[in-house]
């Protein structure tokens, strides 16, 4: 596979049955005021004509390269992981992540690169950095639903403390631009729930997360989103109306979250074996993982998460539900800690 020469930004796009909106998204990339980019695309086993459409779009856009690795359907996290690996091997300096069904504002890349490069200039070379932004939530016809995705989710914008990221992701993949040191540190995606969450965790533990308050993406909601803008009150309503189903699902999510956190601890040990500025992050992750993987009781687990400020960032009811799950989390199926104490 011949790759385009590394540009200022490599945009990664994983597609799956996205033919309906794909051409519109590619056009929004082509309208970017920052033009030094290339587009790396991998289809994740579509059956709706997306693969054929990619061939047509690629023939008309010389900055677009299609990854044909024959691996079939990997799921969104690992498909983006495969793209990151190819882009890293191709010498990419900055990485942007595109969904197949959104529309980017024309100055998205320009604005986020300005924030990212400005911070890079103030730090030592090699610090992993990620910048993300707010999004405008729109319907399938791009009619505005809410001007702020974070606001619609009752999420507080700004810096992203690691303890809160351990249990809830609020860094949306299609808004991210990451630098080379972060993607190098994040690969491979071990036990990652989603690629954007994993990148945010690695940035918070090993470097910094930056925030651009503007909505740089029209975040389209249409019913088939792999992830989407879910009304914050739905979690409360689900818990009240379907408590057993909610409990099973939330317990599965917590188990995946703990496994991901343990993988993060191992990654911190790999990337920063001497501790340094990441020592505090490793201590938090170690305590969190081992509280769930040992024979600790519910009260001890609750004390651990409370002491470190580990809790969802959402306001209102989410933290209470989280503490209940922590207290009553079942003993069976606990992951091994896997992080040196």
C-alpha atoms as a PDB file:
ATOM      1  CA  UNK A   1       0.000   0.000   0.000  1.00  0.00           C
ATOM      2  CA  UNK A   2       1.476   3.305  -1.108  1.00  0.00           C
ATOM      3  CA  UNK A   3       0.873   6.063   1.422  1.00  0.00           C
ATOM      4  CA  UNK A   4       0.749   9.753   0.693  1.00  0.00           C
ATOM      5  CA  UNK A   5       3.680  11.710   2.046  1.00  0.00           C
ATOM      6  CA  UNK A   6       3.199  12.811   5.635  1.00  0.00           C
ATOM      7  CA  UNK A   7       1.412  16.163   5.788  1.00  0.00           C
ATOM      8  CA  UNK A   8       0.972  18.656   8.593  1.00  0.00           C
ATOM      9  CA  UNK A   9      -2.069  16.701   9.801  1.00  0.00           C
ATOM     10  CA  UNK A  10      -3.102  13.144   9.028  1.00  0.00           C
ATOM     11  CA  UNK A  11      -6.878  12.752   9.313  1.00  0.00           C
ATOM     12  CA  UNK A  12      -7.990   9.242  10.270  1.00  0.00           C
ATOM     13  CA  UNK A  13     -11.418   8.025   9.192  1.00  0.00           C
ATOM     14  CA  UNK A  14     -12.872   4.584   9.941  1.00  0.00           C
ATOM     15  CA  UNK A  15     -16.077   3.865   8.011  1.00  0.00           C
ATOM     16  CA  UNK A  16     -18.849   1.339   8.545  1.00  0.00           C
ATOM     17  CA  UNK A  17     -22.077   1.452   6.513  1.00  0.00           C
ATOM     18  CA  UNK A  18     -21.758   5.199   6.250  1.00  0.00           C
ATOM     19  CA  UNK A  19     -22.519   5.805   2.566  1.00  0.00           C
ATOM     20  CA  UNK A  20     -25.431   8.152   3.261  1.00  0.00           C
ATOM     21  CA  UNK A  21     -23.386  10.941   4.850  1.00  0.00           C
ATOM     22  CA  UNK A  22     -19.784  10.154   3.896  1.00  0.00           C
ATOM     23  CA  UNK A  23     -19.432  12.408   0.844  1.00  0.00           C
ATOM     24  CA  UNK A  24     -20.711  15.415   2.813  1.00  0.00           C
ATOM     25  CA  UNK A  25     -18.141  14.852   5.536  1.00  0.00           C
ATOM     26  CA  UNK A  26     -15.284  14.520   3.036  1.00  0.00           C
ATOM     27  CA  UNK A  27     -16.396  17.808   1.454  1.00  0.00           C
ATOM     28  CA  UNK A  28     -16.163  19.488   4.858  1.00  0.00           C
ATOM     29  CA  UNK A  29     -12.572  18.242   5.126  1.00  0.00           C
ATOM     30  CA  UNK A  30     -11.820  19.674   1.714  1.00  0.00           C
ATOM     31  CA  UNK A  31     -13.182  23.055   2.849  1.00  0.00           C
ATOM     32  CA  UNK A  32     -10.699  23.336   5.729  1.00  0.00           C
ATOM     33  CA  UNK A  33      -8.805  26.609   5.895  1.00  0.00           C
ATOM     34  CA  UNK A  34      -5.754  24.556   6.936  1.00  0.00           C
ATOM     35  CA  UNK A  35      -4.960  22.655   3.753  1.00  0.00           C
ATOM     36  CA  UNK A  36      -1.764  20.747   4.612  1.00  0.00           C
ATOM     37  CA  UNK A  37      -3.488  17.461   5.448  1.00  0.00           C
ATOM     38  CA  UNK A  38      -3.911  13.970   4.120  1.00  0.00           C
ATOM     39  CA  UNK A  39      -6.766  11.562   4.755  1.00  0.00           C
ATOM     40  CA  UNK A  40      -6.202   7.942   5.749  1.00  0.00           C
ATOM     41  CA  UNK A  41      -9.356   5.816   5.491  1.00  0.00           C
ATOM     42  CA  UNK A  42     -10.113   2.244   6.527  1.00  0.00           C
ATOM     43  CA  UNK A  43     -13.478   0.588   5.877  1.00  0.00           C
ATOM     44  CA  UNK A  44     -14.474  -1.709   8.744  1.00  0.00           C
ATOM     45  CA  UNK A  45     -16.460  -4.281   6.757  1.00  0.00           C
ATOM     46  CA  UNK A  46     -19.328  -2.225   5.304  1.00  0.00           C
ATOM     47  CA  UNK A  47     -22.169  -3.870   3.364  1.00  0.00           C
ATOM     48  CA  UNK A  48     -23.979  -0.753   2.062  1.00  0.00           C
ATOM     49  CA  UNK A  49     -21.721   0.461  -0.721  1.00  0.00           C
ATOM     50  CA  UNK A  50     -19.417   2.531   1.494  1.00  0.00           C
ATOM     51  CA  UNK A  51     -16.316   0.757   0.170  1.00  0.00           C
ATOM     52  CA  UNK A  52     -17.246   1.550  -3.440  1.00  0.00           C
ATOM     53  CA  UNK A  53     -17.971   5.164  -2.539  1.00  0.00           C
ATOM     54  CA  UNK A  54     -14.542   5.430  -0.920  1.00  0.00           C
ATOM     55  CA  UNK A  55     -12.932   4.307  -4.169  1.00  0.00           C
ATOM     56  CA  UNK A  56     -14.838   7.010  -6.061  1.00  0.00           C
ATOM     57  CA  UNK A  57     -13.971   9.712  -3.551  1.00  0.00           C
ATOM     58  CA  UNK A  58     -10.334   8.605  -3.420  1.00  0.00           C
ATOM     59  CA  UNK A  59      -9.979   8.801  -7.192  1.00  0.00           C
ATOM     60  CA  UNK A  60     -10.986  12.461  -7.038  1.00  0.00           C
ATOM     61  CA  UNK A  61      -8.937  13.450  -3.949  1.00  0.00           C
ATOM     62  CA  UNK A  62      -5.150  12.954  -4.204  1.00  0.00           C
ATOM     63  CA  UNK A  63      -4.702  13.563  -0.464  1.00  0.00           C
ATOM     64  CA  UNK A  64      -6.811  10.494   0.359  1.00  0.00           C
ATOM     65  CA  UNK A  65      -5.339   7.014   0.915  1.00  0.00           C
ATOM     66  CA  UNK A  66      -7.415   3.879   1.518  1.00  0.00           C
ATOM     67  CA  UNK A  67      -5.996   1.243   3.871  1.00  0.00           C
ATOM     68  CA  UNK A  68      -6.795  -2.238   2.562  1.00  0.00           C
ATOM     69  CA  UNK A  69      -5.477  -4.612   5.212  1.00  0.00           C
ATOM     70  CA  UNK A  70      -7.936  -7.499   4.747  1.00  0.00           C
ATOM     71  CA  UNK A  71      -8.686  -7.683   8.485  1.00  0.00           C
ATOM     72  CA  UNK A  72     -12.456  -7.219   8.168  1.00  0.00           C
ATOM     73  CA  UNK A  73     -14.569  -5.832  10.981  1.00  0.00           C
ATOM     74  CA  UNK A  74     -12.495  -4.816  14.010  1.00  0.00           C
ATOM     75  CA  UNK A  75     -14.951  -2.461  15.691  1.00  0.00           C
ATOM     76  CA  UNK A  76     -14.415   1.307  15.905  1.00  0.00           C
ATOM     77  CA  UNK A  77     -11.714   1.338  18.595  1.00  0.00           C
ATOM     78  CA  UNK A  78      -9.424  -1.202  16.963  1.00  0.00           C
ATOM     79  CA  UNK A  79     -10.115   0.088  13.449  1.00  0.00           C
ATOM     80  CA  UNK A  80      -8.932   3.531  14.500  1.00  0.00           C
ATOM     81  CA  UNK A  81      -6.029   1.808  16.270  1.00  0.00           C
ATOM     82  CA  UNK A  82      -5.037   0.199  12.972  1.00  0.00           C
ATOM     83  CA  UNK A  83      -5.181   3.593  11.262  1.00  0.00           C
ATOM     84  CA  UNK A  84      -3.052   5.186  13.980  1.00  0.00           C
ATOM     85  CA  UNK A  85      -0.415   2.504  13.495  1.00  0.00           C
ATOM     86  CA  UNK A  86      -0.278   3.028   9.727  1.00  0.00           C
ATOM     87  CA  UNK A  87      -0.126   6.811  10.109  1.00  0.00           C
ATOM     88  CA  UNK A  88       2.581   6.616  12.770  1.00  0.00           C
ATOM     89  CA  UNK A  89       4.691   4.352  10.571  1.00  0.00           C
ATOM     90  CA  UNK A  90       4.181   6.844   7.741  1.00  0.00           C
ATOM     91  CA  UNK A  91       5.725   9.645   9.786  1.00  0.00           C
ATOM     92  CA  UNK A  92       2.595  11.599  10.723  1.00  0.00           C
ATOM     93  CA  UNK A  93       3.236  14.558  13.012  1.00  0.00           C
ATOM     94  CA  UNK A  94      -0.333  15.423  14.016  1.00  0.00           C
ATOM     95  CA  UNK A  95      -3.409  13.188  14.014  1.00  0.00           C
ATOM     96  CA  UNK A  96      -7.051  14.232  13.653  1.00  0.00           C
ATOM     97  CA  UNK A  97      -9.960  11.813  14.007  1.00  0.00           C
ATOM     98  CA  UNK A  98     -13.015  11.998  11.776  1.00  0.00           C
ATOM     99  CA  UNK A  99     -16.380  10.272  12.015  1.00  0.00           C
ATOM    100  CA  UNK A 100     -18.120   9.371   8.776  1.00  0.00           C
ATOM    101  CA  UNK A 101     -21.357  11.261   9.370  1.00  0.00           C
ATOM    102  CA  UNK A 102     -20.419  14.659  10.828  1.00  0.00           C
ATOM    103  CA  UNK A 103     -19.565  18.004   9.239  1.00  0.00           C
ATOM    104  CA  UNK A 104     -16.472  19.954  10.281  1.00  0.00           C
ATOM    105  CA  UNK A 105     -16.486  23.721  10.611  1.00  0.00           C
ATOM    106  CA  UNK A 106     -14.064  25.178   8.020  1.00  0.00           C
ATOM    107  CA  UNK A 107     -11.532  26.400  10.596  1.00  0.00           C
ATOM    108  CA  UNK A 108     -11.587  23.294  12.840  1.00  0.00           C
ATOM    109  CA  UNK A 109      -8.026  22.167  12.087  1.00  0.00           C
ATOM    110  CA  UNK A 110      -6.657  25.707  12.048  1.00  0.00           C
ATOM    111  CA  UNK A 111      -8.118  26.569  15.454  1.00  0.00           C
ATOM    112  CA  UNK A 112      -7.094  23.356  17.195  1.00  0.00           C
ATOM    113  CA  UNK A 113      -3.597  23.325  15.719  1.00  0.00           C
ATOM    114  CA  UNK A 114      -3.071  26.856  16.961  1.00  0.00           C
ATOM    115  CA  UNK A 115      -3.893  25.732  20.511  1.00  0.00           C
ATOM    116  CA  UNK A 116      -1.793  22.573  20.245  1.00  0.00           C
ATOM    117  CA  UNK A 117       1.278  24.147  18.685  1.00  0.00           C
ATOM    118  CA  UNK A 118       1.174  27.056  21.087  1.00  0.00           C
ATOM    119  CA  UNK A 119       1.363  24.690  24.027  1.00  0.00           C
ATOM    120  CA  UNK A 120       4.069  22.578  22.391  1.00  0.00           C
ATOM    121  CA  UNK A 121       6.240  25.680  22.065  1.00  0.00           C
ATOM    122  CA  UNK A 122       5.998  26.246  25.818  1.00  0.00           C
ATOM    123  CA  UNK A 123       6.902  22.679  26.829  1.00  0.00           C
ATOM    124  CA  UNK A 124       9.824  20.318  26.440  1.00  0.00           C
ATOM    125  CA  UNK A 125       9.761  18.363  23.151  1.00  0.00           C
ATOM    126  CA  UNK A 126       8.110  15.000  23.327  1.00  0.00           C
ATOM    127  CA  UNK A 127       5.274  15.808  25.752  1.00  0.00           C
ATOM    128  CA  UNK A 128       2.090  13.920  24.719  1.00  0.00           C
ATOM    129  CA  UNK A 129      -0.655  16.449  23.976  1.00  0.00           C
ATOM    130  CA  UNK A 130      -4.280  16.314  22.878  1.00  0.00           C
ATOM    131  CA  UNK A 131      -6.654  19.150  22.071  1.00  0.00           C
ATOM    132  CA  UNK A 132     -10.406  18.659  21.853  1.00  0.00           C
ATOM    133  CA  UNK A 133     -13.359  20.969  21.413  1.00  0.00           C
ATOM    134  CA  UNK A 134     -17.067  21.289  22.011  1.00  0.00           C
ATOM    135  CA  UNK A 135     -19.531  20.171  19.316  1.00  0.00           C
ATOM    136  CA  UNK A 136     -22.872  21.447  18.060  1.00  0.00           C
ATOM    137  CA  UNK A 137     -25.478  18.660  18.192  1.00  0.00           C
ATOM    138  CA  UNK A 138     -27.570  18.497  14.997  1.00  0.00           C
ATOM    139  CA  UNK A 139     -30.150  16.133  13.507  1.00  0.00           C
ATOM    140  CA  UNK A 140     -29.708  14.115  10.335  1.00  0.00           C
ATOM    141  CA  UNK A 141     -30.531  17.178   8.215  1.00  0.00           C
ATOM    142  CA  UNK A 142     -28.041  19.349  10.161  1.00  0.00           C
ATOM    143  CA  UNK A 143     -30.768  21.237  12.026  1.00  0.00           C
ATOM    144  CA  UNK A 144     -29.511  22.424  15.394  1.00  0.00           C
ATOM    145  CA  UNK A 145     -30.580  20.366  18.415  1.00  0.00           C
ATOM    146  CA  UNK A 146     -28.235  21.909  20.977  1.00  0.00           C
ATOM    147  CA  UNK A 147     -25.392  24.428  20.487  1.00  0.00           C
ATOM    148  CA  UNK A 148     -23.142  22.570  22.957  1.00  0.00           C
ATOM    149  CA  UNK A 149     -22.661  18.819  23.227  1.00  0.00           C
ATOM    150  CA  UNK A 150     -21.002  19.209  26.614  1.00  0.00           C
ATOM    151  CA  UNK A 151     -23.835  21.412  27.794  1.00  0.00           C
ATOM    152  CA  UNK A 152     -26.454  18.918  26.606  1.00  0.00           C
ATOM    153  CA  UNK A 153     -24.727  16.204  28.632  1.00  0.00           C
ATOM    154  CA  UNK A 154     -24.377  18.398  31.745  1.00  0.00           C
ATOM    155  CA  UNK A 155     -20.607  18.062  31.438  1.00  0.00           C
ATOM    156  CA  UNK A 156     -18.291  20.762  32.715  1.00  0.00           C
ATOM    157  CA  UNK A 157     -15.829  21.906  30.063  1.00  0.00           C
ATOM    158  CA  UNK A 158     -12.174  22.684  30.579  1.00  0.00           C
ATOM    159  CA  UNK A 159      -9.196  20.731  31.844  1.00  0.00           C
ATOM    160  CA  UNK A 160      -9.603  16.974  32.251  1.00  0.00           C
ATOM    161  CA  UNK A 161      -8.373  15.557  35.559  1.00  0.00           C
ATOM    162  CA  UNK A 162      -7.269  11.938  35.273  1.00  0.00           C
ATOM    163  CA  UNK A 163      -9.359  10.641  38.222  1.00  0.00           C
ATOM    164  CA  UNK A 164     -12.580  11.755  36.544  1.00  0.00           C
ATOM    165  CA  UNK A 165     -11.513  10.408  33.157  1.00  0.00           C
ATOM    166  CA  UNK A 166     -11.023   6.958  34.684  1.00  0.00           C
ATOM    167  CA  UNK A 167     -14.781   6.491  34.899  1.00  0.00           C
ATOM    168  CA  UNK A 168     -16.269   8.727  32.198  1.00  0.00           C
ATOM    169  CA  UNK A 169     -15.028   9.944  28.851  1.00  0.00           C
ATOM    170  CA  UNK A 170     -15.918  13.470  27.793  1.00  0.00           C
ATOM    171  CA  UNK A 171     -13.337  13.893  25.009  1.00  0.00           C
ATOM    172  CA  UNK A 172     -15.200  13.210  21.763  1.00  0.00           C
ATOM    173  CA  UNK A 173     -13.096  11.523  19.078  1.00  0.00           C
ATOM    174  CA  UNK A 174     -14.225  13.618  16.115  1.00  0.00           C
ATOM    175  CA  UNK A 175     -13.061  16.780  17.907  1.00  0.00           C
ATOM    176  CA  UNK A 176      -9.538  15.533  18.704  1.00  0.00           C
ATOM    177  CA  UNK A 177      -6.183  16.582  17.304  1.00  0.00           C
ATOM    178  CA  UNK A 178      -3.236  14.727  18.911  1.00  0.00           C
ATOM    179  CA  UNK A 179       0.518  15.045  18.501  1.00  0.00           C
ATOM    180  CA  UNK A 180       3.014  12.339  17.555  1.00  0.00           C
ATOM    181  CA  UNK A 181       4.293  11.634  21.113  1.00  0.00           C
ATOM    182  CA  UNK A 182       0.757  10.892  22.324  1.00  0.00           C
ATOM    183  CA  UNK A 183      -0.129   8.460  19.546  1.00  0.00           C
ATOM    184  CA  UNK A 184       3.213   6.701  19.913  1.00  0.00           C
ATOM    185  CA  UNK A 185       2.589   6.263  23.649  1.00  0.00           C
ATOM    186  CA  UNK A 186      -1.033   5.141  23.142  1.00  0.00           C
ATOM    187  CA  UNK A 187      -0.265   2.260  20.760  1.00  0.00           C
ATOM    188  CA  UNK A 188      -1.243  -0.514  20.917  1.00  0.00           C
ATOM    189  CA  UNK A 189      -4.786   0.018  22.181  1.00  0.00           C
ATOM    190  CA  UNK A 190      -4.780  -2.500  25.017  1.00  0.00           C
ATOM    191  CA  UNK A 191      -8.226  -3.102  26.598  1.00  0.00           C
ATOM    192  CA  UNK A 192      -9.381   0.286  25.304  1.00  0.00           C
ATOM    193  CA  UNK A 193     -13.130   0.794  25.583  1.00  0.00           C
ATOM    194  CA  UNK A 194     -12.956   3.385  22.788  1.00  0.00           C
ATOM    195  CA  UNK A 195     -10.014   4.961  21.005  1.00  0.00           C
ATOM    196  CA  UNK A 196     -10.893   8.526  22.037  1.00  0.00           C
ATOM    197  CA  UNK A 197     -11.243   7.600  25.698  1.00  0.00           C
ATOM    198  CA  UNK A 198      -7.906   5.768  25.611  1.00  0.00           C
ATOM    199  CA  UNK A 199      -6.139   8.720  23.970  1.00  0.00           C
ATOM    200  CA  UNK A 200      -7.595  11.059  26.583  1.00  0.00           C
ATOM    201  CA  UNK A 201      -6.439   8.804  29.421  1.00  0.00           C
ATOM    202  CA  UNK A 202      -2.921   8.550  28.006  1.00  0.00           C
ATOM    203  CA  UNK A 203      -2.749  12.322  27.529  1.00  0.00           C
ATOM    204  CA  UNK A 204      -3.990  13.026  31.053  1.00  0.00           C
ATOM    205  CA  UNK A 205      -1.543  10.530  32.593  1.00  0.00           C
ATOM    206  CA  UNK A 206       1.546  11.232  30.479  1.00  0.00           C
ATOM    207  CA  UNK A 207       1.080  14.779  29.186  1.00  0.00           C
ATOM    208  CA  UNK A 208      -1.742  17.281  28.934  1.00  0.00           C
ATOM    209  CA  UNK A 209      -5.268  17.706  27.591  1.00  0.00           C
ATOM    210  CA  UNK A 210      -6.099  21.076  26.039  1.00  0.00           C
ATOM    211  CA  UNK A 211      -9.558  22.453  25.328  1.00  0.00           C
ATOM    212  CA  UNK A 212     -10.935  24.640  22.554  1.00  0.00           C
ATOM    213  CA  UNK A 213     -14.331  25.983  23.714  1.00  0.00           C
ATOM    214  CA  UNK A 214     -15.720  26.554  20.229  1.00  0.00           C
ATOM    215  CA  UNK A 215     -17.980  23.956  18.637  1.00  0.00           C
ATOM    216  CA  UNK A 216     -15.756  22.874  15.733  1.00  0.00           C
ATOM    217  CA  UNK A 217     -17.957  19.977  14.549  1.00  0.00           C
ATOM    218  CA  UNK A 218     -21.609  19.562  13.612  1.00  0.00           C
ATOM    219  CA  UNK A 219     -22.253  16.316  15.520  1.00  0.00           C
ATOM    220  CA  UNK A 220     -24.949  14.549  13.542  1.00  0.00           C
ATOM    221  CA  UNK A 221     -27.471  12.348  15.378  1.00  0.00           C
ATOM    222  CA  UNK A 222     -29.438   9.896  13.267  1.00  0.00           C
ATOM    223  CA  UNK A 223     -30.111   6.687  15.201  1.00  0.00           C
ATOM    224  CA  UNK A 224     -27.229   4.602  13.864  1.00  0.00           C
ATOM    225  CA  UNK A 225     -24.380   6.429  15.600  1.00  0.00           C
ATOM    226  CA  UNK A 226     -21.675   4.148  17.037  1.00  0.00           C
ATOM    227  CA  UNK A 227     -21.658   6.660  19.889  1.00  0.00           C
ATOM    228  CA  UNK A 228     -23.776   9.724  20.196  1.00  0.00           C
ATOM    229  CA  UNK A 229     -25.353  12.491  22.180  1.00  0.00           C
ATOM    230  CA  UNK A 230     -27.548  10.787  24.738  1.00  0.00           C
ATOM    231  CA  UNK A 231     -29.812  12.945  26.884  1.00  0.00           C
ATOM    232  CA  UNK A 232     -28.290  13.091  30.369  1.00  0.00           C
ATOM    233  CA  UNK A 233     -31.622  12.309  32.039  1.00  0.00           C
ATOM    234  CA  UNK A 234     -31.931   9.026  30.154  1.00  0.00           C
ATOM    235  CA  UNK A 235     -29.564   7.298  32.568  1.00  0.00           C
ATOM    236  CA  UNK A 236     -31.723   8.393  35.489  1.00  0.00           C
ATOM    237  CA  UNK A 237     -34.889   7.295  33.708  1.00  0.00           C
ATOM    238  CA  UNK A 238     -33.418   3.920  32.737  1.00  0.00           C
ATOM    239  CA  UNK A 239     -32.380   3.251  36.319  1.00  0.00           C
ATOM    240  CA  UNK A 240     -35.880   4.003  37.584  1.00  0.00           C
ATOM    241  CA  UNK A 241     -37.891   2.186  34.898  1.00  0.00           C
ATOM    242  CA  UNK A 242     -35.588  -0.786  34.231  1.00  0.00           C
ATOM    243  CA  UNK A 243     -33.440  -1.219  37.351  1.00  0.00           C
ATOM    244  CA  UNK A 244     -32.301  -4.809  36.697  1.00  0.00           C
ATOM    245  CA  UNK A 245     -31.290  -4.166  33.083  1.00  0.00           C
ATOM    246  CA  UNK A 246     -29.634  -0.885  34.083  1.00  0.00           C
ATOM    247  CA  UNK A 247     -27.706  -2.622  36.836  1.00  0.00           C
ATOM    248  CA  UNK A 248     -26.386  -5.344  34.525  1.00  0.00           C
ATOM    249  CA  UNK A 249     -25.326  -2.858  31.864  1.00  0.00           C
ATOM    250  CA  UNK A 250     -23.723  -0.446  34.322  1.00  0.00           C
ATOM    251  CA  UNK A 251     -21.834  -3.291  36.001  1.00  0.00           C
ATOM    252  CA  UNK A 252     -20.484  -4.408  32.616  1.00  0.00           C
ATOM    253  CA  UNK A 253     -19.412  -0.843  31.863  1.00  0.00           C
ATOM    254  CA  UNK A 254     -17.653  -0.582  35.230  1.00  0.00           C
ATOM    255  CA  UNK A 255     -15.823  -3.871  34.614  1.00  0.00           C
ATOM    256  CA  UNK A 256     -14.600  -2.623  31.222  1.00  0.00           C
ATOM    257  CA  UNK A 257     -13.600   0.669  32.817  1.00  0.00           C
ATOM    258  CA  UNK A 258     -11.519  -1.079  35.476  1.00  0.00           C
ATOM    259  CA  UNK A 259      -9.799  -3.264  32.858  1.00  0.00           C
ATOM    260  CA  UNK A 260      -8.997  -0.172  30.794  1.00  0.00           C
ATOM    261  CA  UNK A 261      -7.601   1.603  33.857  1.00  0.00           C
ATOM    262  CA  UNK A 262      -5.347  -1.363  34.638  1.00  0.00           C
ATOM    263  CA  UNK A 263      -4.073  -1.266  31.056  1.00  0.00           C
ATOM    264  CA  UNK A 264      -3.386   2.431  31.545  1.00  0.00           C
ATOM    265  CA  UNK A 265      -1.315   1.687  34.637  1.00  0.00           C
ATOM    266  CA  UNK A 266       0.820  -0.736  32.651  1.00  0.00           C
ATOM    267  CA  UNK A 267       1.197   1.865  29.905  1.00  0.00           C
ATOM    268  CA  UNK A 268       2.368   4.520  32.379  1.00  0.00           C
ATOM    269  CA  UNK A 269       4.945   2.052  33.711  1.00  0.00           C
ATOM    270  CA  UNK A 270       6.145   1.421  30.144  1.00  0.00           C
ATOM    271  CA  UNK A 271       6.325   5.054  29.079  1.00  0.00           C
ATOM    272  CA  UNK A 272       7.519   6.632  32.336  1.00  0.00           C
ATOM    273  CA  UNK A 273       9.400   3.907  34.232  1.00  0.00           C
ATOM    274  CA  UNK A 274      11.195   6.502  36.353  1.00  0.00           C
ATOM    275  CA  UNK A 275       7.986   8.118  37.527  1.00  0.00           C
ATOM    276  CA  UNK A 276       8.678  11.831  37.120  1.00  0.00           C
ATOM    277  CA  UNK A 277       5.594  13.929  36.451  1.00  0.00           C
ATOM    278  CA  UNK A 278       3.552  10.771  35.856  1.00  0.00           C
ATOM    279  CA  UNK A 279       4.222   9.344  39.325  1.00  0.00           C
ATOM    280  CA  UNK A 280       1.076  10.877  40.768  1.00  0.00           C
ATOM    281  CA  UNK A 281      -1.046   9.531  37.933  1.00  0.00           C
ATOM    282  CA  UNK A 282       0.361   6.050  38.406  1.00  0.00           C
ATOM    283  CA  UNK A 283      -0.390   6.132  42.131  1.00  0.00           C
ATOM    284  CA  UNK A 284      -4.042   6.990  41.451  1.00  0.00           C
ATOM    285  CA  UNK A 285      -4.396   4.294  38.799  1.00  0.00           C
ATOM    286  CA  UNK A 286      -2.721   1.675  40.980  1.00  0.00           C
ATOM    287  CA  UNK A 287      -5.014   2.361  43.904  1.00  0.00           C
ATOM    288  CA  UNK A 288      -8.105   2.376  41.700  1.00  0.00           C
ATOM    289  CA  UNK A 289      -7.261  -0.890  39.937  1.00  0.00           C
ATOM    290  CA  UNK A 290      -6.182  -2.760  43.025  1.00  0.00           C
ATOM    291  CA  UNK A 291      -9.261  -1.679  44.973  1.00  0.00           C
ATOM    292  CA  UNK A 292     -11.376  -3.500  42.390  1.00  0.00           C
ATOM    293  CA  UNK A 293      -9.118  -6.495  41.768  1.00  0.00           C
ATOM    294  CA  UNK A 294      -8.341  -7.377  45.387  1.00  0.00           C
ATOM    295  CA  UNK A 295     -10.641  -8.718  48.052  1.00  0.00           C
ATOM    296  CA  UNK A 296     -11.553  -5.207  49.146  1.00  0.00           C
ATOM    297  CA  UNK A 297     -15.109  -4.713  50.350  1.00  0.00           C
ATOM    298  CA  UNK A 298     -17.516  -2.096  49.115  1.00  0.00           C
ATOM    299  CA  UNK A 299     -16.638   0.412  51.834  1.00  0.00           C
ATOM    300  CA  UNK A 300     -12.912   0.145  51.051  1.00  0.00           C
ATOM    301  CA  UNK A 301     -13.574   0.609  47.333  1.00  0.00           C
ATOM    302  CA  UNK A 302     -15.723   3.625  48.076  1.00  0.00           C
ATOM    303  CA  UNK A 303     -13.007   5.134  50.278  1.00  0.00           C
ATOM    304  CA  UNK A 304     -10.438   4.674  47.510  1.00  0.00           C
ATOM    305  CA  UNK A 305     -12.473   6.380  44.784  1.00  0.00           C
ATOM    306  CA  UNK A 306     -13.543   9.144  47.179  1.00  0.00           C
ATOM    307  CA  UNK A 307      -9.975   9.824  48.336  1.00  0.00           C
ATOM    308  CA  UNK A 308      -8.696  10.244  44.784  1.00  0.00           C
ATOM    309  CA  UNK A 309     -11.724  12.115  43.460  1.00  0.00           C
ATOM    310  CA  UNK A 310     -12.599   9.295  41.037  1.00  0.00           C
ATOM    311  CA  UNK A 311     -16.135  10.030  39.876  1.00  0.00           C
ATOM    312  CA  UNK A 312     -18.052  10.942  36.726  1.00  0.00           C
ATOM    313  CA  UNK A 313     -17.730  14.564  35.670  1.00  0.00           C
ATOM    314  CA  UNK A 314     -21.436  14.934  34.946  1.00  0.00           C
ATOM    315  CA  UNK A 315     -23.532  16.940  37.342  1.00  0.00           C
ATOM    316  CA  UNK A 316     -26.761  15.823  39.049  1.00  0.00           C
ATOM    317  CA  UNK A 317     -27.481  12.103  39.416  1.00  0.00           C
ATOM    318  CA  UNK A 318     -24.549  10.328  37.764  1.00  0.00           C
ATOM    319  CA  UNK A 319     -22.107  10.441  40.719  1.00  0.00           C
ATOM    320  CA  UNK A 320     -24.673   8.921  43.101  1.00  0.00           C
ATOM    321  CA  UNK A 321     -25.316   6.008  40.738  1.00  0.00           C
ATOM    322  CA  UNK A 322     -21.578   5.526  40.341  1.00  0.00           C
ATOM    323  CA  UNK A 323     -21.005   5.295  44.093  1.00  0.00           C
ATOM    324  CA  UNK A 324     -23.811   2.735  44.393  1.00  0.00           C
ATOM    325  CA  UNK A 325     -22.198   0.598  41.673  1.00  0.00           C
ATOM    326  CA  UNK A 326     -18.823   0.838  43.389  1.00  0.00           C
ATOM    327  CA  UNK A 327     -20.285  -0.236  46.732  1.00  0.00           C
ATOM    328  CA  UNK A 328     -22.247  -3.192  45.362  1.00  0.00           C
ATOM    329  CA  UNK A 329     -19.961  -4.273  42.518  1.00  0.00           C
ATOM    330  CA  UNK A 330     -19.907  -8.112  42.445  1.00  0.00           C
ATOM    331  CA  UNK A 331     -16.808 -10.043  43.466  1.00  0.00           C
ATOM    332  CA  UNK A 332     -16.927 -12.482  40.559  1.00  0.00           C
ATOM    333  CA  UNK A 333     -15.121 -11.678  37.338  1.00  0.00           C
ATOM    334  CA  UNK A 334     -12.730  -9.207  38.881  1.00  0.00           C
ATOM    335  CA  UNK A 335      -9.741  -8.400  36.658  1.00  0.00           C
ATOM    336  CA  UNK A 336      -6.241  -8.920  37.963  1.00  0.00           C
ATOM    337  CA  UNK A 337      -4.574  -5.682  38.998  1.00  0.00           C
ATOM    338  CA  UNK A 338      -1.608  -6.131  36.646  1.00  0.00           C
ATOM    339  CA  UNK A 339       0.037  -2.960  37.936  1.00  0.00           C
ATOM    340  CA  UNK A 340       3.124  -3.055  40.147  1.00  0.00           C
ATOM    341  CA  UNK A 341       2.600  -1.510  43.553  1.00  0.00           C
END
